[in-house]
Amino acid sequence: MPEIDTACGERINVRLSEAEKRRIERAASVEGKTVSAFIVSSALENAGRTGHRNGTLTLHREEAMRLFNALADPPPPNDRLRAALEEHARRVEPR
């Protein structure tokens, strides 16, 4: 669980419904935390999971070399890729 630095001075304001606020207050109480500490720890935990899911790719050496080689010298497009590109061109308007 991430530690909370209570000496920080930055703020984030959030608007929520009365029911959402009560739900958060109950959850914070169950964990023995203040509402602020509960919200910060929950947000940091979720931010860590999100960053890990979307920001890190770990490959074994063989996989990394295969990816590098495919990027450095890509194979020619096959029929499925051509069909996908044509479908994309039909569905998506250029900017």
N, C-alpha and C. Protein backbone atom coordinates (compact mmCIF):
# COMPACT_ATOMS: atom_id res chain seq x y z
N MET A 1 0.85 -1.18 0.00
CA MET A 1 0.00 0.00 0.00
C MET A 1 0.89 1.24 0.00
N PRO A 2 0.68 2.19 -0.89
CA PRO A 2 1.50 3.39 -0.94
C PRO A 2 1.35 4.21 0.33
N GLU A 3 2.46 4.80 0.77
CA GLU A 3 2.41 5.68 1.92
C GLU A 3 1.95 7.05 1.50
N ILE A 4 1.23 7.73 2.38
CA ILE A 4 0.70 9.04 2.09
C ILE A 4 1.61 10.09 2.73
N ASP A 5 2.04 11.06 1.95
CA ASP A 5 2.85 12.16 2.46
C ASP A 5 1.89 13.27 2.85
N THR A 6 1.62 13.37 4.16
CA THR A 6 0.64 14.36 4.64
C THR A 6 1.19 15.77 4.64
N ALA A 7 2.49 15.95 4.36
CA ALA A 7 3.08 17.27 4.35
C ALA A 7 2.88 17.98 3.01
N CYS A 8 2.29 17.31 2.04
CA CYS A 8 2.07 17.92 0.71
C CYS A 8 1.07 19.05 0.81
N GLY A 9 1.19 19.99 -0.09
CA GLY A 9 0.27 21.12 -0.11
C GLY A 9 -0.62 21.15 -1.33
N GLU A 10 -0.45 20.22 -2.26
CA GLU A 10 -1.24 20.20 -3.49
C GLU A 10 -2.65 19.71 -3.19
N ARG A 11 -3.62 20.19 -3.99
CA ARG A 11 -5.01 19.80 -3.79
C ARG A 11 -5.62 19.33 -5.10
N ILE A 12 -6.59 18.44 -4.97
CA ILE A 12 -7.46 18.04 -6.08
C ILE A 12 -8.88 18.13 -5.54
N ASN A 13 -9.73 18.86 -6.24
CA ASN A 13 -11.12 18.99 -5.82
C ASN A 13 -11.97 18.03 -6.64
N VAL A 14 -12.91 17.38 -5.97
CA VAL A 14 -13.75 16.39 -6.63
C VAL A 14 -15.21 16.66 -6.25
N ARG A 15 -16.08 16.58 -7.22
CA ARG A 15 -17.51 16.69 -6.95
C ARG A 15 -18.13 15.31 -7.13
N LEU A 16 -18.99 14.92 -6.20
CA LEU A 16 -19.64 13.63 -6.28
C LEU A 16 -21.01 13.70 -5.63
N SER A 17 -21.81 12.69 -5.88
CA SER A 17 -23.16 12.67 -5.32
C SER A 17 -23.09 12.36 -3.82
N GLU A 18 -24.19 12.63 -3.15
CA GLU A 18 -24.27 12.35 -1.72
C GLU A 18 -24.06 10.86 -1.46
N ALA A 19 -24.65 10.02 -2.30
CA ALA A 19 -24.52 8.56 -2.13
C ALA A 19 -23.07 8.12 -2.32
N GLU A 20 -22.39 8.70 -3.31
CA GLU A 20 -20.98 8.36 -3.54
C GLU A 20 -20.13 8.78 -2.34
N LYS A 21 -20.42 9.96 -1.80
CA LYS A 21 -19.67 10.44 -0.65
C LYS A 21 -19.86 9.52 0.55
N ARG A 22 -21.10 9.12 0.81
CA ARG A 22 -21.37 8.20 1.94
C ARG A 22 -20.65 6.88 1.74
N ARG A 23 -20.65 6.39 0.52
CA ARG A 23 -19.99 5.10 0.24
C ARG A 23 -18.49 5.20 0.52
N ILE A 24 -17.87 6.29 0.09
CA ILE A 24 -16.44 6.50 0.34
C ILE A 24 -16.18 6.66 1.84
N GLU A 25 -17.03 7.40 2.53
CA GLU A 25 -16.86 7.58 3.98
C GLU A 25 -16.95 6.25 4.72
N ARG A 26 -17.90 5.40 4.33
CA ARG A 26 -18.02 4.07 4.96
C ARG A 26 -16.78 3.23 4.71
N ALA A 27 -16.30 3.23 3.47
CA ALA A 27 -15.11 2.44 3.13
C ALA A 27 -13.89 2.94 3.89
N ALA A 28 -13.74 4.26 3.99
CA ALA A 28 -12.62 4.82 4.74
C ALA A 28 -12.70 4.42 6.20
N SER A 29 -13.89 4.46 6.76
CA SER A 29 -14.09 4.08 8.16
C SER A 29 -13.72 2.61 8.39
N VAL A 30 -14.13 1.75 7.48
CA VAL A 30 -13.81 0.31 7.60
C VAL A 30 -12.31 0.09 7.62
N GLU A 31 -11.57 0.87 6.82
CA GLU A 31 -10.12 0.73 6.78
C GLU A 31 -9.41 1.55 7.84
N GLY A 32 -10.19 2.29 8.65
CA GLY A 32 -9.59 3.08 9.72
C GLY A 32 -8.79 4.27 9.21
N LYS A 33 -9.23 4.83 8.09
CA LYS A 33 -8.52 5.95 7.47
C LYS A 33 -9.43 7.16 7.43
N THR A 34 -8.82 8.33 7.29
CA THR A 34 -9.61 9.51 6.98
C THR A 34 -10.08 9.39 5.54
N VAL A 35 -11.09 10.16 5.19
CA VAL A 35 -11.57 10.14 3.82
C VAL A 35 -10.45 10.55 2.86
N SER A 36 -9.71 11.58 3.22
CA SER A 36 -8.60 12.03 2.36
C SER A 36 -7.56 10.94 2.17
N ALA A 37 -7.15 10.30 3.27
CA ALA A 37 -6.14 9.25 3.18
C ALA A 37 -6.66 8.07 2.35
N PHE A 38 -7.94 7.73 2.52
CA PHE A 38 -8.54 6.63 1.76
C PHE A 38 -8.54 6.96 0.27
N ILE A 39 -8.97 8.18 -0.07
CA ILE A 39 -9.04 8.57 -1.49
C ILE A 39 -7.65 8.60 -2.10
N VAL A 40 -6.68 9.17 -1.39
CA VAL A 40 -5.32 9.25 -1.93
C VAL A 40 -4.73 7.86 -2.11
N SER A 41 -4.86 7.00 -1.10
CA SER A 41 -4.26 5.66 -1.22
C SER A 41 -4.94 4.86 -2.33
N SER A 42 -6.26 4.97 -2.45
CA SER A 42 -6.99 4.26 -3.51
C SER A 42 -6.58 4.77 -4.89
N ALA A 43 -6.47 6.08 -5.03
CA ALA A 43 -6.10 6.66 -6.32
C ALA A 43 -4.67 6.28 -6.69
N LEU A 44 -3.75 6.32 -5.72
CA LEU A 44 -2.36 5.95 -6.02
C LEU A 44 -2.22 4.48 -6.39
N GLU A 45 -2.97 3.64 -5.69
CA GLU A 45 -2.94 2.21 -6.00
C GLU A 45 -3.44 1.97 -7.42
N ASN A 46 -4.55 2.60 -7.78
CA ASN A 46 -5.10 2.46 -9.13
C ASN A 46 -4.16 3.05 -10.17
N ALA A 47 -3.54 4.19 -9.86
CA ALA A 47 -2.60 4.81 -10.80
C ALA A 47 -1.41 3.90 -11.04
N GLY A 48 -0.95 3.23 -10.00
CA GLY A 48 0.16 2.28 -10.16
C GLY A 48 -0.20 1.13 -11.07
N ARG A 49 -1.40 0.57 -10.87
CA ARG A 49 -1.85 -0.54 -11.73
C ARG A 49 -2.00 -0.07 -13.17
N THR A 50 -2.58 1.11 -13.36
CA THR A 50 -2.77 1.65 -14.71
C THR A 50 -1.44 1.89 -15.39
N GLY A 51 -0.50 2.51 -14.68
CA GLY A 51 0.82 2.76 -15.25
C GLY A 51 1.52 1.49 -15.62
N HIS A 52 1.40 0.48 -14.76
CA HIS A 52 2.06 -0.79 -15.04
C HIS A 52 1.44 -1.47 -16.25
N ARG A 53 0.11 -1.45 -16.33
CA ARG A 53 -0.57 -2.09 -17.47
C ARG A 53 -0.26 -1.40 -18.78
N ASN A 54 -0.13 -0.07 -18.76
CA ASN A 54 -0.03 0.68 -20.00
C ASN A 54 1.35 1.25 -20.30
N GLY A 55 2.29 1.10 -19.40
CA GLY A 55 3.57 1.76 -19.62
C GLY A 55 4.77 0.84 -19.64
N THR A 56 4.58 -0.43 -19.35
CA THR A 56 5.72 -1.32 -19.24
C THR A 56 5.51 -2.57 -20.08
N LEU A 57 6.51 -2.90 -20.83
CA LEU A 57 6.49 -4.13 -21.61
C LEU A 57 7.78 -4.86 -21.32
N THR A 58 7.67 -6.07 -20.80
CA THR A 58 8.85 -6.86 -20.47
C THR A 58 8.94 -8.03 -21.43
N LEU A 59 10.06 -8.13 -22.11
CA LEU A 59 10.27 -9.21 -23.08
C LEU A 59 11.54 -9.97 -22.73
N HIS A 60 11.52 -11.26 -23.03
CA HIS A 60 12.76 -12.03 -22.95
C HIS A 60 13.63 -11.63 -24.13
N ARG A 61 14.89 -11.92 -24.05
CA ARG A 61 15.84 -11.48 -25.09
C ARG A 61 15.39 -11.93 -26.49
N GLU A 62 14.98 -13.18 -26.61
CA GLU A 62 14.56 -13.70 -27.92
C GLU A 62 13.35 -12.93 -28.46
N GLU A 63 12.37 -12.65 -27.58
CA GLU A 63 11.20 -11.90 -28.00
C GLU A 63 11.57 -10.47 -28.39
N ALA A 64 12.47 -9.87 -27.62
CA ALA A 64 12.90 -8.49 -27.90
C ALA A 64 13.60 -8.42 -29.25
N MET A 65 14.43 -9.40 -29.55
CA MET A 65 15.15 -9.41 -30.83
C MET A 65 14.17 -9.62 -31.99
N ARG A 66 13.16 -10.47 -31.79
CA ARG A 66 12.16 -10.69 -32.84
C ARG A 66 11.38 -9.39 -33.10
N LEU A 67 11.02 -8.68 -32.03
CA LEU A 67 10.31 -7.42 -32.18
C LEU A 67 11.20 -6.39 -32.87
N PHE A 68 12.43 -6.26 -32.42
CA PHE A 68 13.36 -5.31 -33.04
C PHE A 68 13.52 -5.59 -34.52
N ASN A 69 13.73 -6.85 -34.87
CA ASN A 69 13.92 -7.22 -36.28
C ASN A 69 12.68 -6.93 -37.12
N ALA A 70 11.50 -7.17 -36.55
CA ALA A 70 10.26 -6.89 -37.29
C ALA A 70 10.08 -5.39 -37.51
N LEU A 71 10.49 -4.60 -36.51
CA LEU A 71 10.40 -3.14 -36.67
C LEU A 71 11.45 -2.61 -37.64
N ALA A 72 12.64 -3.17 -37.59
CA ALA A 72 13.73 -2.70 -38.44
C ALA A 72 13.53 -3.13 -39.89
N ASP A 73 12.95 -4.30 -40.10
CA ASP A 73 12.76 -4.82 -41.45
C ASP A 73 11.40 -5.51 -41.52
N PRO A 74 10.32 -4.73 -41.60
CA PRO A 74 8.99 -5.33 -41.55
C PRO A 74 8.71 -6.19 -42.78
N PRO A 75 7.92 -7.24 -42.59
CA PRO A 75 7.55 -8.07 -43.74
C PRO A 75 6.58 -7.29 -44.64
N PRO A 76 6.48 -7.68 -45.90
CA PRO A 76 5.53 -6.99 -46.79
C PRO A 76 4.09 -7.26 -46.33
N PRO A 77 3.17 -6.33 -46.62
CA PRO A 77 1.79 -6.53 -46.18
C PRO A 77 1.17 -7.75 -46.87
N ASN A 78 0.40 -8.52 -46.10
CA ASN A 78 -0.30 -9.67 -46.68
C ASN A 78 -1.73 -9.26 -47.01
N ASP A 79 -2.51 -10.20 -47.53
CA ASP A 79 -3.88 -9.91 -47.97
C ASP A 79 -4.74 -9.42 -46.81
N ARG A 80 -4.59 -10.01 -45.63
CA ARG A 80 -5.41 -9.60 -44.48
C ARG A 80 -5.10 -8.16 -44.06
N LEU A 81 -3.82 -7.79 -44.09
CA LEU A 81 -3.46 -6.42 -43.73
C LEU A 81 -4.00 -5.44 -44.78
N ARG A 82 -3.87 -5.78 -46.03
CA ARG A 82 -4.40 -4.91 -47.08
C ARG A 82 -5.91 -4.72 -46.91
N ALA A 83 -6.63 -5.81 -46.64
CA ALA A 83 -8.08 -5.74 -46.45
C ALA A 83 -8.41 -4.87 -45.23
N ALA A 84 -7.63 -5.00 -44.16
CA ALA A 84 -7.87 -4.20 -42.96
C ALA A 84 -7.63 -2.72 -43.25
N LEU A 85 -6.59 -2.41 -44.01
CA LEU A 85 -6.31 -1.02 -44.36
C LEU A 85 -7.41 -0.43 -45.25
N GLU A 86 -7.92 -1.23 -46.17
CA GLU A 86 -9.02 -0.77 -47.03
C GLU A 86 -10.28 -0.52 -46.20
N GLU A 87 -10.56 -1.42 -45.28
CA GLU A 87 -11.72 -1.26 -44.39
C GLU A 87 -11.56 -0.01 -43.53
N HIS A 88 -10.38 0.22 -43.03
CA HIS A 88 -10.11 1.41 -42.23
C HIS A 88 -10.34 2.67 -43.05
N ALA A 89 -9.86 2.68 -44.29
CA ALA A 89 -10.02 3.83 -45.16
C ALA A 89 -11.51 4.11 -45.44
N ARG A 90 -12.32 3.06 -45.52
CA ARG A 90 -13.75 3.24 -45.75
C ARG A 90 -14.46 3.80 -44.51
N ARG A 91 -14.00 3.41 -43.34
CA ARG A 91 -14.72 3.77 -42.10
C ARG A 91 -14.25 5.06 -41.45
N VAL A 92 -12.99 5.42 -41.65
CA VAL A 92 -12.41 6.56 -40.92
C VAL A 92 -12.17 7.73 -41.86
N GLU A 93 -12.70 8.89 -41.47
CA GLU A 93 -12.47 10.09 -42.28
C GLU A 93 -11.11 10.66 -41.97
N PRO A 94 -10.38 11.10 -43.00
CA PRO A 94 -9.09 11.75 -42.74
C PRO A 94 -9.31 13.10 -42.06
N ARG A 95 -8.34 13.55 -41.29
CA ARG A 95 -8.47 14.82 -40.57
C ARG A 95 -8.31 15.99 -41.48
